[in-house]
Amino acid sequence: MDLHLLKKVEDAVASNSRKPIKTWSRRSMISPDMVGLTIAIHNGRQHVPVSVSEDMVGHKLGEFAPTRTYRGHIADRKAKK
């Protein structure tokens, strides 16, 4: 986990803050002390709020904020008409 994010998490846990933690660090791994917090993860355009649960521990933050929007294949839209 990046040190700046670790500091923000420790401050939020100590102050019992419910405010989302804004981060650009998609590479950081979710640790057990993040459980219960809301983290706003940057997806390249905006920050996506994600509330961390126990099942997410060990995964990277970037896995929960997709960077691409899939709108389906163009051929599928033409075939439906």
Protein backbone atom coordinates (compact mmCIF):
# COMPACT_ATOMS: atom_id res chain seq x y z
CA MET A 1 0.00 0.00 0.00
CA ASP A 2 1.25 3.51 -0.78
CA LEU A 3 2.38 5.46 2.26
CA HIS A 4 0.19 8.50 1.58
CA LEU A 5 -2.90 6.28 1.40
CA LEU A 6 -1.87 4.40 4.55
CA LYS A 7 -1.64 7.72 6.42
CA LYS A 8 -5.12 8.76 5.19
CA VAL A 9 -6.58 5.39 6.27
CA GLU A 10 -4.99 5.61 9.73
CA ASP A 11 -6.31 9.16 10.19
CA ALA A 12 -9.83 8.11 9.12
CA VAL A 13 -9.83 5.12 11.49
CA ALA A 14 -8.51 7.21 14.39
CA SER A 15 -11.08 10.00 13.91
CA ASN A 16 -13.91 7.56 13.06
CA SER A 17 -14.60 9.62 9.92
CA ARG A 18 -17.33 8.55 7.48
CA LYS A 19 -16.05 10.86 4.71
CA PRO A 20 -14.75 9.02 1.60
CA ILE A 21 -10.98 8.86 1.17
CA LYS A 22 -10.06 10.16 -2.29
CA THR A 23 -7.16 8.34 -3.95
CA TRP A 24 -5.45 8.01 -7.30
CA SER A 25 -3.51 4.94 -6.16
CA ARG A 26 -5.17 2.07 -8.03
CA ARG A 27 -2.15 -0.18 -7.43
CA SER A 28 -2.56 -0.25 -3.64
CA MET A 29 -3.68 -3.49 -2.05
CA ILE A 30 -6.69 -3.49 0.28
CA SER A 31 -5.66 -4.20 3.86
CA PRO A 32 -7.84 -5.39 6.76
CA ASP A 33 -7.80 -1.95 8.41
CA MET A 34 -9.63 -0.51 5.36
CA VAL A 35 -12.73 -2.66 5.96
CA GLY A 36 -15.78 -0.50 6.58
CA LEU A 37 -14.31 2.63 4.98
CA THR A 38 -15.48 4.27 1.77
CA ILE A 39 -12.68 4.94 -0.69
CA ALA A 40 -13.13 7.07 -3.82
CA ILE A 41 -10.90 5.44 -6.47
CA HIS A 42 -9.96 7.40 -9.58
CA ASN A 43 -10.86 5.68 -12.84
CA GLY A 44 -9.18 8.18 -15.16
CA ARG A 45 -12.13 10.53 -15.36
CA GLN A 46 -13.79 10.67 -11.94
CA HIS A 47 -13.59 9.17 -8.47
CA VAL A 48 -15.77 6.08 -7.99
CA PRO A 49 -16.87 5.57 -4.37
CA VAL A 50 -16.34 1.99 -3.18
CA SER A 51 -17.21 0.76 0.30
CA VAL A 52 -14.68 -1.85 1.36
CA SER A 53 -15.89 -5.22 2.69
CA GLU A 54 -14.00 -8.19 4.11
CA ASP A 55 -14.19 -10.08 0.80
CA MET A 56 -12.09 -7.37 -0.90
CA VAL A 57 -9.02 -7.78 1.36
CA GLY A 58 -5.98 -8.79 -0.69
CA HIS A 59 -7.28 -7.32 -3.95
CA LYS A 60 -6.06 -4.12 -5.59
CA LEU A 61 -8.15 -0.94 -5.41
CA GLY A 62 -8.16 -0.60 -9.21
CA GLU A 63 -10.12 -3.83 -9.59
CA PHE A 64 -13.24 -2.12 -8.23
CA ALA A 65 -13.19 1.01 -10.41
CA PRO A 66 -13.40 0.05 -14.10
CA THR A 67 -11.61 2.41 -16.49
CA ARG A 68 -13.50 1.55 -19.66
CA THR A 69 -17.19 1.79 -20.49
CA TYR A 70 -18.44 -1.11 -22.59
CA ARG A 71 -21.44 -0.09 -24.66
CA GLY A 72 -21.79 -3.28 -26.67
CA HIS A 73 -20.78 -4.02 -30.22
CA ILE A 74 -22.03 -1.75 -32.98
CA ALA A 75 -23.14 -4.75 -35.07
CA ASP A 76 -25.44 -5.84 -32.24
CA ARG A 77 -27.25 -2.51 -32.31
CA LYS A 78 -27.69 -2.63 -36.09
CA ALA A 79 -29.07 -6.19 -36.00
CA LYS A 80 -31.76 -5.28 -33.46
CA LYS A 81 -33.29 -2.60 -35.71
